[in-house]
Amino acid sequence: MQLQLSEREIIERAGLLPAFPSVVNELLQTLDDENATIGALIQLVGRDPVITARVLSIANAAVMGSRIQRDLRDMQVAVSLIGLARVREIVLGVSLAEFSHESRMSHYFWEHSLAVGVAAQELARIAHVSPDYALVCGLLHDIGQLWMARFHPLEFQMVRMVINAGDEGCDIQEAERAYFGVDHCFIGGVLARAWKLPEAVVAAIEHHHDEHPPGEKLVAVTHVAEALTNALDLTRQEEARVRYLSQTACALIGVDWTQDLNYLFGRIEARARYLGKTFAPA
């Protein structure tokens, strides 16, 4: 029997998930605030002992590779040493890793989400959009599937069976709509709005499977990032198939597949492996 999910049910059930980390929204807001200072970022970091420990650990690793011989404990020095961009990445990655762990997200789900986040970051630099926004879009692009698996596991497993048994043209959204009445992109959009994420992030989550996505670069970046992650088989799963790649999205980003992009592929693979260890839930 097909479910008929409503926005109200999706939001009510989401209340049973762990609280979405407020630090994510707060950090994204600082990106749009011209008056934001390094002190504001340090305050955000200092509120979470897990993030604080991770920042100091990475800073100390950098110190060990330099001529500075001391145990680094000062957050101001640590931020200055590893850079604002790296610290923002740590805040976003670690906080969402903890959220995924508390939500009982599977290892594969987190591994795939992280790989898409890394690919989105790299593509964001080509598209000239915020790598921080792109990382969040990649990490949360399939959050609707987490909701499905958590609250309707039988139907979720039936969808997986249909996808795995189908041919190359088997469409995940069609399979989800057959069992849930809606697809994971719709559910993800509802969740993202409920969490008050920026509209550009909501759009990326809602439309990352669109063949002709809206003219928003973050949507295009997320779409291409997932296709690229599957093409590179970063998670080594049978489901990692590229069923289509939107030429509209590629053109919007400015990716030219006729060029030698091995440097991009290698960087994505290397960073996905490294950040998989960095962002492992505590």
Protein backbone atom coordinates (compact mmCIF):
# COMPACT_ATOMS: atom_id res chain seq x y z
CA MET A 1 0.00 0.00 0.00
CA GLN A 2 1.38 3.38 -1.01
CA LEU A 3 2.01 5.88 1.76
CA GLN A 4 0.75 9.43 1.31
CA LEU A 5 3.16 11.55 3.30
CA SER A 6 2.29 15.13 4.17
CA GLU A 7 4.62 17.96 5.13
CA ARG A 8 3.04 17.94 8.58
CA GLU A 9 3.89 14.27 9.15
CA ILE A 10 7.43 14.75 7.86
CA ILE A 11 8.05 17.65 10.23
CA GLU A 12 6.38 15.93 13.20
CA ARG A 13 8.44 12.76 12.73
CA ALA A 14 11.59 14.87 12.30
CA GLY A 15 11.04 16.01 15.89
CA LEU A 16 12.09 12.50 16.91
CA LEU A 17 15.49 13.00 15.30
CA PRO A 18 18.33 14.63 17.26
CA ALA A 19 18.24 18.43 17.19
CA PHE A 20 19.78 19.82 14.03
CA PRO A 21 23.06 21.54 15.02
CA SER A 22 22.40 25.27 15.32
CA VAL A 23 26.10 25.95 14.76
CA VAL A 24 25.61 25.13 11.06
CA ASN A 25 23.09 27.93 10.55
CA GLU A 26 25.10 30.32 12.68
CA LEU A 27 28.26 29.68 10.70
CA LEU A 28 26.49 30.10 7.35
CA GLN A 29 25.08 33.40 8.59
CA THR A 30 28.58 34.67 9.32
CA LEU A 31 29.51 34.09 5.67
CA ASP A 32 26.92 36.69 4.64
CA ASP A 33 27.87 39.11 7.42
CA GLU A 34 30.52 41.60 6.35
CA ASN A 35 31.05 42.58 9.98
CA ALA A 36 31.74 39.02 11.16
CA THR A 37 35.14 38.65 12.79
CA ILE A 38 37.55 35.88 13.59
CA GLY A 39 36.43 36.29 17.19
CA ALA A 40 32.86 35.30 16.27
CA LEU A 41 34.15 32.11 14.65
CA ILE A 42 36.29 31.30 17.69
CA GLN A 43 33.23 31.72 19.91
CA LEU A 44 31.29 29.26 17.75
CA VAL A 45 34.12 26.74 17.96
CA GLY A 46 34.51 27.20 21.70
CA ARG A 47 30.89 26.28 22.42
CA ASP A 48 31.37 22.69 21.29
CA PRO A 49 34.09 20.65 23.04
CA VAL A 50 34.19 18.07 20.21
CA ILE A 51 34.79 20.73 17.56
CA THR A 52 37.28 22.53 19.81
CA ALA A 53 39.27 19.32 20.30
CA ARG A 54 39.28 18.61 16.56
CA VAL A 55 40.50 22.11 15.66
CA LEU A 56 43.29 21.96 18.24
CA SER A 57 44.25 18.45 17.14
CA ILE A 58 44.63 19.52 13.51
CA ALA A 59 46.50 22.66 14.52
CA ASN A 60 48.90 20.61 16.64
CA ALA A 61 49.46 18.24 13.73
CA ALA A 62 50.41 21.27 11.64
CA VAL A 63 52.75 22.45 14.39
CA MET A 64 54.49 19.08 14.50
CA GLY A 65 55.26 19.43 10.81
CA SER A 66 56.80 22.84 11.31
CA ARG A 67 59.65 24.22 13.37
CA ILE A 68 57.34 25.31 16.17
CA GLN A 69 57.81 22.91 19.07
CA ARG A 70 54.99 23.31 21.56
CA ASP A 71 51.62 21.94 22.57
CA LEU A 72 49.15 24.33 20.98
CA ARG A 73 46.16 25.11 23.19
CA ASP A 74 45.32 28.71 22.22
CA MET A 75 42.33 28.78 19.82
CA GLN A 76 43.30 32.18 18.38
CA VAL A 77 46.71 30.83 17.41
CA ALA A 78 45.18 27.58 16.14
CA VAL A 79 42.75 29.40 13.86
CA SER A 80 45.50 31.66 12.57
CA LEU A 81 47.69 28.65 11.90
CA ILE A 82 45.29 26.46 9.93
CA GLY A 83 43.20 29.25 8.41
CA LEU A 84 39.59 30.39 8.56
CA ALA A 85 38.47 28.25 5.61
CA ARG A 86 39.81 25.08 7.22
CA VAL A 87 38.22 25.91 10.57
CA ARG A 88 34.83 26.54 8.94
CA GLU A 89 35.13 23.19 7.18
CA ILE A 90 35.88 21.47 10.49
CA VAL A 91 32.91 23.14 12.23
CA LEU A 92 30.50 22.10 9.49
CA GLY A 93 31.90 18.61 8.97
CA VAL A 94 32.23 17.61 12.61
CA SER A 95 28.86 19.00 13.69
CA LEU A 96 27.04 17.22 10.85
CA ALA A 97 29.02 14.03 11.48
CA GLU A 98 27.81 14.05 15.08
CA PHE A 99 24.26 14.70 13.90
CA SER A 100 24.47 11.76 11.49
CA HIS A 101 25.83 9.47 14.21
CA GLU A 102 23.10 10.45 16.68
CA SER A 103 20.50 9.96 13.92
CA ARG A 104 21.77 6.39 13.42
CA MET A 105 22.79 7.12 9.85
CA SER A 106 24.45 4.10 8.23
CA HIS A 107 28.18 4.14 7.54
CA TYR A 108 27.56 3.98 3.79
CA PHE A 109 25.08 6.86 3.92
CA TRP A 110 27.56 9.09 5.76
CA GLU A 111 30.45 8.01 3.52
CA HIS A 112 28.44 8.85 0.39
CA SER A 113 27.22 12.17 1.79
CA LEU A 114 30.75 13.20 2.72
CA ALA A 115 32.11 12.25 -0.71
CA VAL A 116 29.40 14.35 -2.39
CA GLY A 117 30.20 17.22 0.00
CA VAL A 118 33.88 17.10 -0.94
CA ALA A 119 33.09 16.92 -4.67
CA ALA A 120 30.67 19.83 -4.26
CA GLN A 121 33.37 21.90 -2.55
CA GLU A 122 35.80 21.31 -5.41
CA LEU A 123 33.18 22.11 -8.05
CA ALA A 124 32.14 25.21 -6.09
CA ARG A 125 35.60 26.67 -6.65
CA ILE A 126 35.15 26.22 -10.40
CA ALA A 127 31.65 27.72 -10.27
CA HIS A 128 32.76 30.61 -8.00
CA VAL A 129 30.28 29.91 -5.22
CA SER A 130 30.85 29.35 -1.50
CA PRO A 131 32.63 26.04 -0.74
CA ASP A 132 31.09 26.14 2.74
CA TYR A 133 27.54 26.28 1.37
CA ALA A 134 28.48 23.56 -1.14
CA LEU A 135 29.79 21.29 1.64
CA VAL A 136 26.51 21.59 3.55
CA CYS A 137 24.51 20.90 0.37
CA GLY A 138 26.54 17.77 -0.31
CA LEU A 139 26.39 16.49 3.25
CA LEU A 140 22.60 16.95 3.42
CA HIS A 141 21.54 16.27 -0.18
CA ASP A 142 20.06 12.84 0.67
CA ILE A 143 18.77 13.71 4.14
CA GLY A 144 15.29 12.73 2.95
CA GLN A 145 16.52 9.15 2.60
CA LEU A 146 17.65 9.18 6.23
CA TRP A 147 14.11 10.18 7.22
CA MET A 148 12.64 7.40 5.09
CA ALA A 149 14.97 4.75 6.52
CA ARG A 150 14.35 5.89 10.09
CA PHE A 151 10.57 6.12 10.08
CA HIS A 152 9.46 3.74 7.29
CA PRO A 153 12.24 1.13 7.07
CA LEU A 154 10.16 -1.53 5.28
CA GLU A 155 9.15 0.76 2.42
CA PHE A 156 12.70 2.11 2.26
CA GLN A 157 14.09 -1.40 1.85
CA MET A 158 11.51 -2.15 -0.85
CA VAL A 159 12.73 0.89 -2.80
CA ARG A 160 16.32 -0.30 -2.48
CA MET A 161 15.33 -3.72 -3.81
CA VAL A 162 13.58 -2.17 -6.80
CA ILE A 163 16.62 -0.01 -7.58
CA ASN A 164 19.12 -2.85 -7.25
CA ALA A 165 17.01 -5.23 -9.32
CA GLY A 166 16.19 -2.68 -12.02
CA ASP A 167 18.03 -1.82 -15.20
CA GLU A 168 20.31 1.17 -15.77
CA GLY A 169 17.33 3.41 -16.39
CA CYS A 170 15.62 2.60 -13.09
CA ASP A 171 14.76 5.94 -11.49
CA ILE A 172 15.05 6.25 -7.70
CA GLN A 173 12.51 9.05 -7.48
CA GLU A 174 9.87 7.03 -9.34
CA ALA A 175 10.48 4.06 -7.05
CA GLU A 176 10.21 6.25 -3.94
CA ARG A 177 7.00 7.88 -5.14
CA ALA A 178 5.52 4.44 -5.75
CA TYR A 179 5.98 3.53 -2.06
CA PHE A 180 5.98 6.89 -0.26
CA GLY A 181 3.87 9.14 -2.48
CA VAL A 182 6.81 11.58 -2.49
CA ASP A 183 10.57 11.27 -3.09
CA HIS A 184 13.57 11.93 -0.85
CA CYS A 185 14.21 15.29 -2.52
CA PHE A 186 10.79 16.54 -1.43
CA ILE A 187 11.27 15.23 2.11
CA GLY A 188 14.76 16.74 2.28
CA GLY A 189 13.41 20.13 1.21
CA VAL A 190 10.74 20.01 3.91
CA LEU A 191 13.36 19.18 6.54
CA ALA A 192 15.77 21.86 5.34
CA ARG A 193 13.08 24.54 5.53
CA ALA A 194 12.03 23.35 8.99
CA TRP A 195 15.67 23.69 10.08
CA LYS A 196 15.70 27.22 8.60
CA LEU A 197 18.60 26.53 6.28
CA PRO A 198 19.34 29.15 3.58
CA GLU A 199 17.01 28.94 0.59
CA ALA A 200 19.90 28.17 -1.76
CA VAL A 201 20.71 25.08 0.33
CA VAL A 202 17.03 24.07 0.39
CA ALA A 203 16.91 24.36 -3.42
CA ALA A 204 20.02 22.20 -3.81
CA ILE A 205 18.50 19.46 -1.64
CA GLU A 206 15.12 19.65 -3.42
CA HIS A 207 16.39 19.73 -6.99
CA HIS A 208 19.68 17.82 -7.04
CA HIS A 209 18.11 15.05 -9.18
CA ASP A 210 16.49 17.39 -11.71
CA GLU A 211 17.56 16.89 -15.30
CA HIS A 212 16.97 20.60 -15.89
CA PRO A 213 17.62 22.14 -12.45
CA PRO A 214 16.80 25.76 -11.60
CA GLY A 215 19.43 28.33 -12.55
CA GLU A 216 21.06 28.27 -9.12
CA LYS A 217 24.72 27.31 -9.09
CA LEU A 218 24.52 25.45 -5.77
CA VAL A 219 21.81 23.20 -7.22
CA ALA A 220 23.99 22.49 -10.26
CA VAL A 221 27.08 21.90 -8.10
CA THR A 222 25.24 19.38 -5.91
CA HIS A 223 23.79 17.54 -8.91
CA VAL A 224 27.13 17.22 -10.68
CA ALA A 225 28.92 16.37 -7.41
CA GLU A 226 26.70 13.34 -6.81
CA ALA A 227 27.10 12.14 -10.40
CA LEU A 228 30.87 12.56 -10.15
CA THR A 229 31.01 10.74 -6.80
CA ASN A 230 29.18 7.78 -8.34
CA ALA A 231 31.32 7.86 -11.50
CA LEU A 232 34.50 7.73 -9.39
CA ASP A 233 32.88 4.98 -7.24
CA LEU A 234 34.21 6.61 -4.09
CA THR A 235 31.99 4.47 -1.85
CA ARG A 236 32.48 1.23 -3.83
CA GLN A 237 28.80 0.31 -3.83
CA GLU A 238 26.68 -1.40 -6.47
CA GLU A 239 24.24 1.51 -6.27
CA ALA A 240 26.94 3.95 -7.40
CA ARG A 241 25.68 4.28 -10.95
CA VAL A 242 25.43 7.45 -13.03
CA ARG A 243 21.97 7.33 -14.57
CA TYR A 244 22.14 10.78 -16.11
CA LEU A 245 24.13 13.99 -15.95
CA SER A 246 22.42 17.30 -16.60
CA GLN A 247 24.17 19.24 -19.33
CA THR A 248 22.33 22.33 -18.09
CA ALA A 249 24.00 21.93 -14.69
CA CYS A 250 27.44 21.34 -16.23
CA ALA A 251 27.12 24.46 -18.37
CA LEU A 252 26.00 26.55 -15.39
CA ILE A 253 29.05 25.47 -13.38
CA GLY A 254 31.43 25.86 -16.29
CA VAL A 255 32.78 22.28 -16.31
CA ASP A 256 34.29 21.22 -19.64
CA TRP A 257 34.55 17.43 -19.73
CA THR A 258 36.76 17.57 -22.83
CA GLN A 259 39.55 19.02 -20.71
CA ASP A 260 41.99 16.95 -18.64
CA LEU A 261 40.32 16.87 -15.20
CA ASN A 262 42.44 14.15 -13.62
CA TYR A 263 43.77 16.70 -11.12
CA LEU A 264 40.17 17.38 -10.00
CA PHE A 265 39.31 13.69 -9.72
CA GLY A 266 42.49 12.94 -7.78
CA ARG A 267 41.91 15.81 -5.37
CA ILE A 268 38.34 14.72 -4.69
CA GLU A 269 39.39 11.12 -4.01
CA ALA A 270 42.27 12.13 -1.74
CA ARG A 271 40.23 14.66 0.24
CA ALA A 272 37.28 12.30 0.61
CA ARG A 273 39.57 9.70 2.20
CA TYR A 274 41.26 12.23 4.46
CA LEU A 275 38.08 13.96 5.60
CA GLY A 276 36.45 10.59 6.21
CA LYS A 277 38.91 10.22 9.08
CA THR A 278 38.74 13.87 10.18
CA PHE A 279 34.95 13.95 10.29
CA ALA A 280 34.44 10.50 11.77
CA PRO A 281 31.86 10.78 14.60
CA ALA A 282 33.48 10.80 18.02
